C-alpha cells in the first residue's frame, strides 16, 4: 500500500469515528427530546410510586379488617361452645329430673 492510500484509509476511519461520535451526541433539538423523555419517565415513576403507596395502604386496611373479623369470629366461636355446653348440661339435667319424677310417680301409684 502506498503512503497516499494509507493516508486516505486513515482519514476515512477518522471520519467514520467522528460520525459515530456525533450520532451518539444529541443535537440541540435532540436535547429537548431527551429532556421531555426524562420528564415523562420521572412522571411515570412518580405515578407508579403513588399507586404502590395507595395499594400498600389498602392492603394494610384489608389486613387490619381481616384481623378484626378473625378476633370477632374467635369470640363468637367461644361463646357458641359455651352455649352448646350449657344447653347440653340443661338437657342432661332435664332428663335426670324427668326420669326421677317418672320413677317417683310410679312408686306412689303402687
PDB file of N, CA and C in Angstrom:
ATOM      1  N   UNK A   1       0.839  -1.154   0.000  1.00  0.00           N
ATOM      2  CA  UNK A   1       0.000   0.000   0.000  1.00  0.00           C
ATOM      3  C   UNK A   1       0.898   1.236   0.000  1.00  0.00           C
ATOM      4  N   UNK A   2       0.486   2.224  -0.723  1.00  0.00           N
ATOM      5  CA  UNK A   2       1.284   3.445  -0.777  1.00  0.00           C
ATOM      6  C   UNK A   2       0.912   4.359   0.368  1.00  0.00           C
ATOM      7  N   UNK A   3       1.766   5.374   0.557  1.00  0.00           N
ATOM      8  CA  UNK A   3       1.509   6.324   1.631  1.00  0.00           C
ATOM      9  C   UNK A   3       0.196   7.057   1.416  1.00  0.00           C
ATOM     10  N   UNK A   4      -0.106   7.374   0.193  1.00  0.00           N
ATOM     11  CA  UNK A   4      -1.338   8.103  -0.126  1.00  0.00           C
ATOM     12  C   UNK A   4      -2.551   7.240   0.214  1.00  0.00           C
ATOM     13  N   UNK A   5      -2.467   5.938  -0.108  1.00  0.00           N
ATOM     14  CA  UNK A   5      -3.567   5.035   0.207  1.00  0.00           C
ATOM     15  C   UNK A   5      -3.744   4.910   1.718  1.00  0.00           C
ATOM     16  N   UNK A   6      -2.617   4.842   2.440  1.00  0.00           N
ATOM     17  CA  UNK A   6      -2.689   4.747   3.890  1.00  0.00           C
ATOM     18  C   UNK A   6      -3.299   5.999   4.491  1.00  0.00           C
ATOM     19  N   UNK A   7      -2.907   7.168   3.932  1.00  0.00           N
ATOM     20  CA  UNK A   7      -3.467   8.433   4.413  1.00  0.00           C
ATOM     21  C   UNK A   7      -4.968   8.483   4.174  1.00  0.00           C
ATOM     22  N   UNK A   8      -5.412   8.046   3.009  1.00  0.00           N
ATOM     23  CA  UNK A   8      -6.849   8.035   2.689  1.00  0.00           C
ATOM     24  C   UNK A   8      -7.601   7.084   3.609  1.00  0.00           C
ATOM     25  N   UNK A   9      -7.011   5.934   3.851  1.00  0.00           N
ATOM     26  CA  UNK A   9      -7.658   4.954   4.730  1.00  0.00           C
ATOM     27  C   UNK A   9      -7.736   5.493   6.162  1.00  0.00           C
ATOM     28  N   UNK A  10      -6.698   6.115   6.659  1.00  0.00           N
ATOM     29  CA  UNK A  10      -6.677   6.689   7.995  1.00  0.00           C
ATOM     30  C   UNK A  10      -7.686   7.823   8.099  1.00  0.00           C
ATOM     31  N   UNK A  11      -7.754   8.637   7.044  1.00  0.00           N
ATOM     32  CA  UNK A  11      -8.702   9.748   7.040  1.00  0.00           C
ATOM     33  C   UNK A  11     -10.134   9.213   7.018  1.00  0.00           C
ATOM     34  N   UNK A  12     -10.405   8.151   6.293  1.00  0.00           N
ATOM     35  CA  UNK A  12     -11.734   7.534   6.227  1.00  0.00           C
ATOM     36  C   UNK A  12     -12.140   6.978   7.580  1.00  0.00           C
ATOM     37  N   UNK A  13     -11.224   6.303   8.269  1.00  0.00           N
ATOM     38  CA  UNK A  13     -11.572   5.779   9.584  1.00  0.00           C
ATOM     39  C   UNK A  13     -11.780   6.884  10.593  1.00  0.00           C
ATOM     40  N   UNK A  14     -11.026   7.979  10.481  1.00  0.00           N
ATOM     41  CA  UNK A  14     -11.208   9.113  11.380  1.00  0.00           C
ATOM     42  C   UNK A  14     -12.587   9.748  11.156  1.00  0.00           C
ATOM     43  N   UNK A  15     -12.997   9.869   9.908  1.00  0.00           N
ATOM     44  CA  UNK A  15     -14.311  10.452   9.586  1.00  0.00           C
ATOM     45  C   UNK A  15     -15.441   9.546  10.095  1.00  0.00           C
ATOM     46  N   UNK A  16     -15.258   8.230   9.966  1.00  0.00           N
ATOM     47  CA  UNK A  16     -16.262   7.289  10.470  1.00  0.00           C
ATOM     48  C   UNK A  16     -16.415   7.423  11.981  1.00  0.00           C
ATOM     49  N   UNK A  17     -15.277   7.553  12.668  1.00  0.00           N
ATOM     50  CA  UNK A  17     -15.315   7.686  14.119  1.00  0.00           C
ATOM     51  C   UNK A  17     -16.016   8.980  14.517  1.00  0.00           C
ATOM     52  N   UNK A  18     -15.733  10.073  13.815  1.00  0.00           N
ATOM     53  CA  UNK A  18     -16.387  11.349  14.115  1.00  0.00           C
ATOM     54  C   UNK A  18     -17.888  11.269  13.878  1.00  0.00           C
ATOM     55  N   UNK A  19     -18.295  10.575  12.808  1.00  0.00           N
ATOM     56  CA  UNK A  19     -19.725  10.473  12.523  1.00  0.00           C
ATOM     57  C   UNK A  19     -20.428   9.619  13.572  1.00  0.00           C
ATOM     58  N   UNK A  20     -19.779   8.576  14.072  1.00  0.00           N
ATOM     59  CA  UNK A  20     -20.360   7.753  15.126  1.00  0.00           C
ATOM     60  C   UNK A  20     -20.474   8.568  16.408  1.00  0.00           C
ATOM     61  N   UNK A  21     -19.437   9.343  16.733  1.00  0.00           N
ATOM     62  CA  UNK A  21     -19.468  10.169  17.925  1.00  0.00           C
ATOM     63  C   UNK A  21     -20.540  11.246  17.837  1.00  0.00           C
ATOM     64  N   UNK A  22     -20.672  11.857  16.684  1.00  0.00           N
ATOM     65  CA  UNK A  22     -21.678  12.917  16.538  1.00  0.00           C
ATOM     66  C   UNK A  22     -23.079  12.325  16.559  1.00  0.00           C
ATOM     67  N   UNK A  23     -23.247  11.111  16.092  1.00  0.00           N
ATOM     68  CA  UNK A  23     -24.562  10.474  16.134  1.00  0.00           C
ATOM     69  C   UNK A  23     -24.943  10.137  17.566  1.00  0.00           C
ATOM     70  N   UNK A  24     -23.950   9.799  18.393  1.00  0.00           N
ATOM     71  CA  UNK A  24     -24.257   9.456  19.771  1.00  0.00           C
ATOM     72  C   UNK A  24     -24.485  10.709  20.616  1.00  0.00           C
ATOM     73  N   UNK A  25     -23.951  11.847  20.201  1.00  0.00           N
ATOM     74  CA  UNK A  25     -24.186  13.098  20.923  1.00  0.00           C
ATOM     75  C   UNK A  25     -25.469  13.729  20.421  1.00  0.00           C
ATOM     76  N   UNK A  26     -26.366  14.082  21.308  1.00  0.00           N
ATOM     77  CA  UNK A  26     -27.600  14.703  20.859  1.00  0.00           C
ATOM     78  C   UNK A  26     -27.361  16.131  20.410  1.00  0.00           C
ATOM     79  N   UNK A  27     -28.070  16.503  19.380  1.00  0.00           N
ATOM     80  CA  UNK A  27     -28.007  17.888  18.934  1.00  0.00           C
ATOM     81  C   UNK A  27     -28.935  18.702  19.801  1.00  0.00           C
ATOM     82  N   UNK A  28     -29.001  19.996  19.591  1.00  0.00           N
ATOM     83  CA  UNK A  28     -29.829  20.839  20.447  1.00  0.00           C
ATOM     84  C   UNK A  28     -31.296  20.437  20.359  1.00  0.00           C
ATOM     85  N   UNK A  29     -31.777  19.997  19.212  1.00  0.00           N
ATOM     86  CA  UNK A  29     -33.156  19.512  19.078  1.00  0.00           C
ATOM     87  C   UNK A  29     -33.338  18.202  19.814  1.00  0.00           C
ATOM     88  N   UNK A  30     -32.326  17.378  19.773  1.00  0.00           N
ATOM     89  CA  UNK A  30     -32.373  16.100  20.481  1.00  0.00           C
ATOM     90  C   UNK A  30     -32.325  16.308  21.995  1.00  0.00           C
ATOM     91  N   UNK A  31     -31.643  17.369  22.443  1.00  0.00           N
ATOM     92  CA  UNK A  31     -31.588  17.670  23.879  1.00  0.00           C
ATOM     93  C   UNK A  31     -32.987  17.880  24.431  1.00  0.00           C
ATOM     94  N   UNK A  32     -33.800  18.596  23.695  1.00  0.00           N
ATOM     95  CA  UNK A  32     -35.171  18.850  24.148  1.00  0.00           C
ATOM     96  C   UNK A  32     -35.960  17.546  24.219  1.00  0.00           C
ATOM     97  N   UNK A  33     -35.762  16.678  23.224  1.00  0.00           N
ATOM     98  CA  UNK A  33     -36.462  15.386  23.229  1.00  0.00           C
ATOM     99  C   UNK A  33     -36.017  14.537  24.412  1.00  0.00           C
ATOM    100  N   UNK A  34     -34.733  14.544  24.705  1.00  0.00           N
ATOM    101  CA  UNK A  34     -34.200  13.778  25.820  1.00  0.00           C
ATOM    102  C   UNK A  34     -34.789  14.294  27.126  1.00  0.00           C
ATOM    103  N   UNK A  35     -34.856  15.620  27.271  1.00  0.00           N
ATOM    104  CA  UNK A  35     -35.432  16.202  28.481  1.00  0.00           C
ATOM    105  C   UNK A  35     -36.899  15.848  28.628  1.00  0.00           C
ATOM    106  N   UNK A  36     -37.631  15.877  27.509  1.00  0.00           N
ATOM    107  CA  UNK A  36     -39.051  15.500  27.541  1.00  0.00           C
ATOM    108  C   UNK A  36     -39.193  14.033  27.923  1.00  0.00           C
ATOM    109  N   UNK A  37     -38.349  13.182  27.347  1.00  0.00           N
ATOM    110  CA  UNK A  37     -38.381  11.757  27.680  1.00  0.00           C
ATOM    111  C   UNK A  37     -38.057  11.530  29.154  1.00  0.00           C
ATOM    112  N   UNK A  38     -37.056  12.242  29.662  1.00  0.00           N
ATOM    113  CA  UNK A  38     -36.685  12.097  31.068  1.00  0.00           C
ATOM    114  C   UNK A  38     -37.808  12.581  31.971  1.00  0.00           C
ATOM    115  N   UNK A  39     -38.439  13.690  31.592  1.00  0.00           N
ATOM    116  CA  UNK A  39     -39.557  14.204  32.384  1.00  0.00           C
ATOM    117  C   UNK A  39     -40.715  13.212  32.369  1.00  0.00           C
ATOM    118  N   UNK A  40     -40.982  12.620  31.214  1.00  0.00           N
ATOM    119  CA  UNK A  40     -42.061  11.631  31.109  1.00  0.00           C
ATOM    120  C   UNK A  40     -41.739  10.397  31.948  1.00  0.00           C
ATOM    121  N   UNK A  41     -40.488   9.971  31.904  1.00  0.00           N
ATOM    122  CA  UNK A  41     -40.085   8.816  32.705  1.00  0.00           C
ATOM    123  C   UNK A  41     -40.190   9.121  34.197  1.00  0.00           C
ATOM    124  N   UNK A  42     -39.802  10.324  34.601  1.00  0.00           N
ATOM    125  CA  UNK A  42     -39.896  10.724  36.001  1.00  0.00           C
ATOM    126  C   UNK A  42     -41.360  10.770  36.437  1.00  0.00           C
ATOM    127  N   UNK A  43     -42.220  11.315  35.588  1.00  0.00           N
ATOM    128  CA  UNK A  43     -43.649  11.376  35.894  1.00  0.00           C
ATOM    129  C   UNK A  43     -44.230   9.963  36.018  1.00  0.00           C
ATOM    130  N   UNK A  44     -43.842   9.066  35.119  1.00  0.00           N
ATOM    131  CA  UNK A  44     -44.317   7.687  35.168  1.00  0.00           C
ATOM    132  C   UNK A  44     -43.833   7.007  36.448  1.00  0.00           C
ATOM    133  N   UNK A  45     -42.590   7.273  36.842  1.00  0.00           N
ATOM    134  CA  UNK A  45     -42.037   6.697  38.060  1.00  0.00           C
ATOM    135  C   UNK A  45     -42.801   7.201  39.284  1.00  0.00           C
ATOM    136  N   UNK A  46     -43.077   8.498  39.325  1.00  0.00           N
ATOM    137  CA  UNK A  46     -43.823   9.060  40.444  1.00  0.00           C
ATOM    138  C   UNK A  46     -45.245   8.497  40.505  1.00  0.00           C
ATOM    139  N   UNK A  47     -45.865   8.347  39.342  1.00  0.00           N
ATOM    140  CA  UNK A  47     -47.209   7.778  39.291  1.00  0.00           C
ATOM    141  C   UNK A  47     -47.202   6.343  39.824  1.00  0.00           C
ATOM    142  N   UNK A  48     -46.210   5.577  39.433  1.00  0.00           N
ATOM    143  CA  UNK A  48     -46.099   4.195  39.915  1.00  0.00           C
ATOM    144  C   UNK A  48     -45.863   4.152  41.417  1.00  0.00           C
ATOM    145  N   UNK A  49     -45.036   5.061  41.928  1.00  0.00           N
ATOM    146  CA  UNK A  49     -44.785   5.106  43.376  1.00  0.00           C
ATOM    147  C   UNK A  49     -46.064   5.449  44.138  1.00  0.00           C
ATOM    148  N   UNK A  50     -46.808   6.427  43.632  1.00  0.00           N
ATOM    149  CA  UNK A  50     -48.066   6.807  44.287  1.00  0.00           C
ATOM    150  C   UNK A  50     -49.054   5.650  44.255  1.00  0.00           C
ATOM    151  N   UNK A  51     -49.122   4.946  43.140  1.00  0.00           N
ATOM    152  CA  UNK A  51     -50.023   3.792  43.012  1.00  0.00           C
ATOM    153  C   UNK A  51     -49.605   2.693  43.994  1.00  0.00           C
ATOM    154  N   UNK A  52     -48.296   2.467  44.107  1.00  0.00           N
ATOM    155  CA  UNK A  52     -47.794   1.447  45.036  1.00  0.00           C
ATOM    156  C   UNK A  52     -48.148   1.815  46.472  1.00  0.00           C
ATOM    157  N   UNK A  53     -48.003   3.100  46.822  1.00  0.00           N
ATOM    158  CA  UNK A  53     -48.346   3.537  48.178  1.00  0.00           C
ATOM    159  C   UNK A  53     -49.836   3.362  48.442  1.00  0.00           C
ATOM    160  N   UNK A  54     -50.656   3.679  47.452  1.00  0.00           N
ATOM    161  CA  UNK A  54     -52.102   3.511  47.596  1.00  0.00           C
ATOM    162  C   UNK A  54     -52.451   2.040  47.786  1.00  0.00           C
ATOM    163  N   UNK A  55     -51.840   1.181  46.993  1.00  0.00           N
ATOM    164  CA  UNK A  55     -52.095  -0.256  47.111  1.00  0.00           C
ATOM    165  C   UNK A  55     -51.619  -0.799  48.454  1.00  0.00           C
ATOM    166  N   UNK A  56     -50.480  -0.315  48.938  1.00  0.00           N
ATOM    167  CA  UNK A  56     -49.981  -0.743  50.244  1.00  0.00           C
ATOM    168  C   UNK A  56     -50.940  -0.325  51.351  1.00  0.00           C
ATOM    169  N   UNK A  57     -51.449   0.892  51.253  1.00  0.00           N
ATOM    170  CA  UNK A  57     -52.383   1.378  52.272  1.00  0.00           C
ATOM    171  C   UNK A  57     -53.674   0.559  52.261  1.00  0.00           C
ATOM    172  N   UNK A  58     -54.181   0.257  51.073  1.00  0.00           N
ATOM    173  CA  UNK A  58     -55.418  -0.534  51.016  1.00  0.00           C
ATOM    174  C   UNK A  58     -55.165  -1.963  51.483  1.00  0.00           C
ATOM    175  N   UNK A  59     -53.995  -2.512  51.202  1.00  0.00           N
ATOM    176  CA  UNK A  59     -53.649  -3.851  51.682  1.00  0.00           C
ATOM    177  C   UNK A  59     -53.568  -3.858  53.206  1.00  0.00           C
ATOM    178  N   UNK A  60     -52.951  -2.835  53.778  1.00  0.00           N
ATOM    179  CA  UNK A  60     -52.859  -2.729  55.234  1.00  0.00           C
ATOM    180  C   UNK A  60     -54.253  -2.640  55.854  1.00  0.00           C
ATOM    181  N   UNK A  61     -55.142  -1.863  55.236  1.00  0.00           N
ATOM    182  CA  UNK A  61     -56.516  -1.752  55.742  1.00  0.00           C
ATOM    183  C   UNK A  61     -57.223  -3.104  55.675  1.00  0.00           C
ATOM    184  N   UNK A  62     -57.001  -3.842  54.606  1.00  0.00           N
ATOM    185  CA  UNK A  62     -57.618  -5.169  54.480  1.00  0.00           C
ATOM    186  C   UNK A  62     -57.086  -6.133  55.538  1.00  0.00           C
ATOM    187  N   UNK A  63     -55.786  -6.085  55.779  1.00  0.00           N
ATOM    188  CA  UNK A  63     -55.185  -6.965  56.793  1.00  0.00           C
ATOM    189  C   UNK A  63     -55.769  -6.645  58.168  1.00  0.00           C
ATOM    190  N   UNK A  64     -55.891  -5.353  58.473  1.00  0.00           N
ATOM    191  CA  UNK A  64     -56.467  -4.969  59.761  1.00  0.00           C
ATOM    192  C   UNK A  64     -57.914  -5.432  59.874  1.00  0.00           C
ATOM    193  N   UNK A  65     -58.653  -5.324  58.790  1.00  0.00           N
ATOM    194  CA  UNK A  65     -60.051  -5.771  58.803  1.00  0.00           C
ATOM    195  C   UNK A  65     -60.135  -7.277  59.002  1.00  0.00           C
ATOM    196  N   UNK A  66     -59.273  -8.023  58.325  1.00  0.00           N
ATOM    197  CA  UNK A  66     -59.254  -9.479  58.475  1.00  0.00           C
ATOM    198  C   UNK A  66     -58.929  -9.855  59.917  1.00  0.00           C
ATOM    199  N   UNK A  67     -57.973  -9.164  60.519  1.00  0.00           N
ATOM    200  CA  UNK A  67     -57.617  -9.459  61.910  1.00  0.00           C
ATOM    201  C   UNK A  67     -58.792  -9.172  62.844  1.00  0.00           C
ATOM    202  N   UNK A  68     -59.510  -8.081  62.578  1.00  0.00           N
ATOM    203  CA  UNK A  68     -60.685  -7.753  63.385  1.00  0.00           C
ATOM    204  C   UNK A  68     -61.779  -8.793  63.244  1.00  0.00           C
ATOM    205  N   UNK A  69     -62.031  -9.216  62.013  1.00  0.00           N
ATOM    206  CA  UNK A  69     -63.060 -10.235  61.766  1.00  0.00           C
ATOM    207  C   UNK A  69     -62.643 -11.559  62.397  1.00  0.00           C
ATOM    208  N   UNK A  70     -61.354 -11.885  62.311  1.00  0.00           N
ATOM    209  CA  UNK A  70     -60.869 -13.134  62.911  1.00  0.00           C
ATOM    210  C   UNK A  70     -61.063 -13.101  64.429  1.00  0.00           C
ATOM    211  N   UNK A  71     -60.748 -11.971  65.055  1.00  0.00           N
ATOM    212  CA  UNK A  71     -60.930 -11.847  66.506  1.00  0.00           C
ATOM    213  C   UNK A  71     -62.409 -11.988  66.872  1.00  0.00           C
ATOM    214  N   UNK A  72     -63.288 -11.352  66.107  1.00  0.00           N
ATOM    215  CA  UNK A  72     -64.731 -11.461  66.355  1.00  0.00           C
ATOM    216  C   UNK A  72     -65.194 -12.904  66.167  1.00  0.00           C
ATOM    217  N   UNK A  73     -64.681 -13.589  65.151  1.00  0.00           N
ATOM    218  CA  UNK A  73     -65.021 -14.991  64.905  1.00  0.00           C
ATOM    219  C   UNK A  73     -64.611 -15.857  66.088  1.00  0.00           C
ATOM    220  N   UNK A  74     -63.380 -15.643  66.562  1.00  0.00           N
ATOM    221  CA  UNK A  74     -62.895 -16.433  67.704  1.00  0.00           C
ATOM    222  C   UNK A  74     -63.764 -16.198  68.938  1.00  0.00           C
ATOM    223  N   UNK A  75     -64.145 -14.958  69.176  1.00  0.00           N
ATOM    224  CA  UNK A  75     -65.001 -14.632  70.317  1.00  0.00           C
ATOM    225  C   UNK A  75     -66.355 -15.334  70.185  1.00  0.00           C
ATOM    226  N   UNK A  76     -66.954 -15.233  69.001  1.00  0.00           N
ATOM    227  CA  UNK A  76     -68.262 -15.867  68.785  1.00  0.00           C
ATOM    228  C   UNK A  76     -68.170 -17.388  68.861  1.00  0.00           C
ATOM    229  N   UNK A  77     -67.078 -17.931  68.381  1.00  0.00           N
ATOM    230  CA  UNK A  77     -66.890 -19.382  68.441  1.00  0.00           C
ATOM    231  C   UNK A  77     -66.816 -19.844  69.900  1.00  0.00           C
ATOM    232  N   UNK A  78     -66.099 -19.088  70.730  1.00  0.00           N
ATOM    233  CA  UNK A  78     -66.017 -19.417  72.152  1.00  0.00           C
ATOM    234  C   UNK A  78     -67.377 -19.333  72.827  1.00  0.00           C
ATOM    235  N   UNK A  79     -68.136 -18.284  72.517  1.00  0.00           N
ATOM    236  CA  UNK A  79     -69.474 -18.138  73.079  1.00  0.00           C
ATOM    237  C   UNK A  79     -70.394 -19.271  72.620  1.00  0.00           C
ATOM    238  N   UNK A  80     -70.250 -19.665  71.364  1.00  0.00           N
ATOM    239  CA  UNK A  80     -71.059 -20.760  70.821  1.00  0.00           C
ATOM    240  C   UNK A  80     -70.759 -22.071  71.551  1.00  0.00           C
ATOM    241  N   UNK A  81     -69.488 -22.344  71.774  1.00  0.00           N
ATOM    242  CA  UNK A  81     -69.119 -23.567  72.504  1.00  0.00           C
ATOM    243  C   UNK A  81     -69.683 -23.541  73.928  1.00  0.00           C
ATOM    244  N   UNK A  82     -69.598 -22.367  74.572  1.00  0.00           N
ATOM    245  CA  UNK A  82     -70.146 -22.230  75.919  1.00  0.00           C
ATOM    246  C   UNK A  82     -71.648 -22.510  75.916  1.00  0.00           C
ATOM    247  N   UNK A  83     -72.366 -21.919  74.949  1.00  0.00           N
ATOM    248  CA  UNK A  83     -73.821 -22.127  74.886  1.00  0.00           C
ATOM    249  C   UNK A  83     -74.170 -23.581  74.591  1.00  0.00           C
ATOM    250  N   UNK A  84     -73.406 -24.227  73.710  1.00  0.00           N
ATOM    251  CA  UNK A  84     -73.655 -25.640  73.412  1.00  0.00           C
ATOM    252  C   UNK A  84     -73.466 -26.483  74.668  1.00  0.00           C
ATOM    253  N   UNK A  85     -72.426 -26.194  75.416  1.00  0.00           N
ATOM    254  CA  UNK A  85     -72.173 -26.925  76.662  1.00  0.00           C
ATOM    255  C   UNK A  85     -73.303 -26.669  77.663  1.00  0.00           C
ATOM    256  N   UNK A  86     -73.723 -25.428  77.787  1.00  0.00           N
ATOM    257  CA  UNK A  86     -74.783 -25.056  78.716  1.00  0.00           C
ATOM    258  C   UNK A  86     -76.089 -25.756  78.350  1.00  0.00           C
ATOM    259  N   UNK A  87     -76.408 -25.744  77.059  1.00  0.00           N
ATOM    260  CA  UNK A  87     -77.646 -26.404  76.611  1.00  0.00           C
ATOM    261  C   UNK A  87     -77.546 -27.914  76.834  1.00  0.00           C
ATOM    262  N   UNK A  88     -76.389 -28.476  76.559  1.00  0.00           N
ATOM    263  CA  UNK A  88     -76.196 -29.906  76.801  1.00  0.00           C
ATOM    264  C   UNK A  88     -76.369 -30.255  78.271  1.00  0.00           C
ATOM    265  N   UNK A  89     -75.830 -29.411  79.144  1.00  0.00           N
ATOM    266  CA  UNK A  89     -75.989 -29.638  80.587  1.00  0.00           C
ATOM    267  C   UNK A  89     -77.456 -29.528  80.997  1.00  0.00           C
ATOM    268  N   UNK A  90     -78.159 -28.542  80.447  1.00  0.00           N
ATOM    269  CA  UNK A  90     -79.589 -28.387  80.755  1.00  0.00           C
ATOM    270  C   UNK A  90     -80.394 -29.601  80.300  1.00  0.00           C
ATOM    271  N   UNK A  91     -80.040 -30.094  79.123  1.00  0.00           N
ATOM    272  CA  UNK A  91     -80.753 -31.269  78.593  1.00  0.00           C
ATOM    273  C   UNK A  91     -80.500 -32.478  79.504  1.00  0.00           C
ATOM    274  N   UNK A  92     -79.248 -32.642  79.929  1.00  0.00           N
ATOM    275  CA  UNK A  92     -78.931 -33.766  80.821  1.00  0.00           C
ATOM    276  C   UNK A  92     -79.664 -33.625  82.144  1.00  0.00           C
ATOM    277  N   UNK A  93     -79.668 -32.430  82.699  1.00  0.00           N
ATOM    278  CA  UNK A  93     -80.364 -32.178  83.954  1.00  0.00           C
ATOM    279  C   UNK A  93     -81.860 -32.410  83.787  1.00  0.00           C
ATOM    280  N   UNK A  94     -82.391 -31.989  82.679  1.00  0.00           N
ATOM    281  CA  UNK A  94     -83.818 -32.153  82.402  1.00  0.00           C
ATOM    282  C   UNK A  94     -84.181 -33.636  82.301  1.00  0.00           C
ATOM    283  N   UNK A  95     -83.329 -34.425  81.677  1.00  0.00           N
ATOM    284  CA  UNK A  95     -83.589 -35.866  81.554  1.00  0.00           C
ATOM    285  C   UNK A  95     -83.525 -36.538  82.922  1.00  0.00           C
ATOM    286  N   UNK A  96     -82.555 -36.114  83.715  1.00  0.00           N
ATOM    287  CA  UNK A  96     -82.413 -36.700  85.054  1.00  0.00           C
ATOM    288  C   UNK A  96     -83.637 -36.375  85.894  1.00  0.00           C
ATOM    289  N   UNK A  97     -84.051 -35.128  85.848  1.00  0.00           N
ATOM    290  CA  UNK A  97     -85.224 -34.702  86.623  1.00  0.00           C
ATOM    291  C   UNK A  97     -86.477 -35.420  86.120  1.00  0.00           C
ATOM    292  N   UNK A  98     -86.611 -35.514  84.780  1.00  0.00           N
ATOM    293  CA  UNK A  98     -87.774 -36.203  84.211  1.00  0.00           C
ATOM    294  C   UNK A  98     -87.780 -37.672  84.600  1.00  0.00           C
ATOM    295  N   UNK A  99     -86.626 -38.303  84.566  1.00  0.00           N
ATOM    296  CA  UNK A  99     -86.536 -39.722  84.923  1.00  0.00           C
ATOM    297  C   UNK A  99     -86.845 -39.905  86.410  1.00  0.00           C
ATOM    298  N   UNK A 100     -86.345 -38.997  87.243  1.00  0.00           N
ATOM    299  CA  UNK A 100     -86.610 -39.080  88.675  1.00  0.00           C
ATOM    300  C   UNK A 100     -88.086 -38.846  88.968  1.00  0.00           C
ATOM    301  N   UNK A 101     -88.699 -37.928  88.289  1.00  0.00           N
ATOM    302  CA  UNK A 101     -90.116 -37.631  88.500  1.00  0.00           C
ATOM    303  C   UNK A 101     -90.969 -38.801  88.048  1.00  0.00           C
ATOM    304  N   UNK A 102     -90.584 -39.440  86.965  1.00  0.00           N
ATOM    305  CA  UNK A 102     -91.344 -40.579  86.449  1.00  0.00           C
ATOM    306  C   UNK A 102     -91.244 -41.755  87.420  1.00  0.00           C
ATOM    307  N   UNK A 103     -90.075 -41.948  88.014  1.00  0.00           N
ATOM    308  CA  UNK A 103     -89.912 -43.031  88.985  1.00  0.00           C
ATOM    309  C   UNK A 103     -90.688 -42.721  90.255  1.00  0.00           C
ATOM    310  N   UNK A 104     -90.669 -41.456  90.643  1.00  0.00           N
ATOM    311  CA  UNK A 104     -91.398 -41.054  91.851  1.00  0.00           C
ATOM    312  C   UNK A 104     -92.896 -41.249  91.693  1.00  0.00           C
ATOM    313  N   UNK A 105     -93.423 -40.929  90.541  1.00  0.00           N
ATOM    314  CA  UNK A 105     -94.858 -41.103  90.268  1.00  0.00           C
ATOM    315  C   UNK A 105     -95.197 -42.594  90.217  1.00  0.00           C
ATOM    316  N   UNK A 106     -94.317 -43.357  89.638  1.00  0.00           N
ATOM    317  CA  UNK A 106     -94.566 -44.807  89.530  1.00  0.00           C
ATOM    318  C   UNK A 106     -94.525 -45.480  90.867  1.00  0.00           C
ATOM    319  N   UNK A 107     -93.706 -45.025  91.788  1.00  0.00           N
ATOM    320  CA  UNK A 107     -93.588 -45.618  93.120  1.00  0.00           C
ATOM    321  C   UNK A 107     -94.804 -45.339  93.980  1.00  0.00           C
ATOM    322  N   UNK A 108     -95.457 -44.169  93.822  1.00  0.00           N
ATOM    323  CA  UNK A 108     -96.621 -43.825  94.643  1.00  0.00           C
ATOM    324  C   UNK A 108     -97.870 -44.556  94.177  1.00  0.00           C
ATOM    325  N   UNK A 109     -97.899 -44.832  92.902  1.00  0.00           N
ATOM    326  CA  UNK A 109     -99.093 -45.489  92.368  1.00  0.00           C
ATOM    327  C   UNK A 109     -99.208 -46.915  92.858  1.00  0.00           C
ATOM    328  N   UNK A 110     -98.156 -47.535  93.262  1.00  0.00           N
ATOM    329  CA  UNK A 110     -98.201 -48.937  93.658  1.00  0.00           C
ATOM    330  C   UNK A 110     -98.746 -49.051  94.971  1.00  0.00           C
TER     331      UNK A 110
END
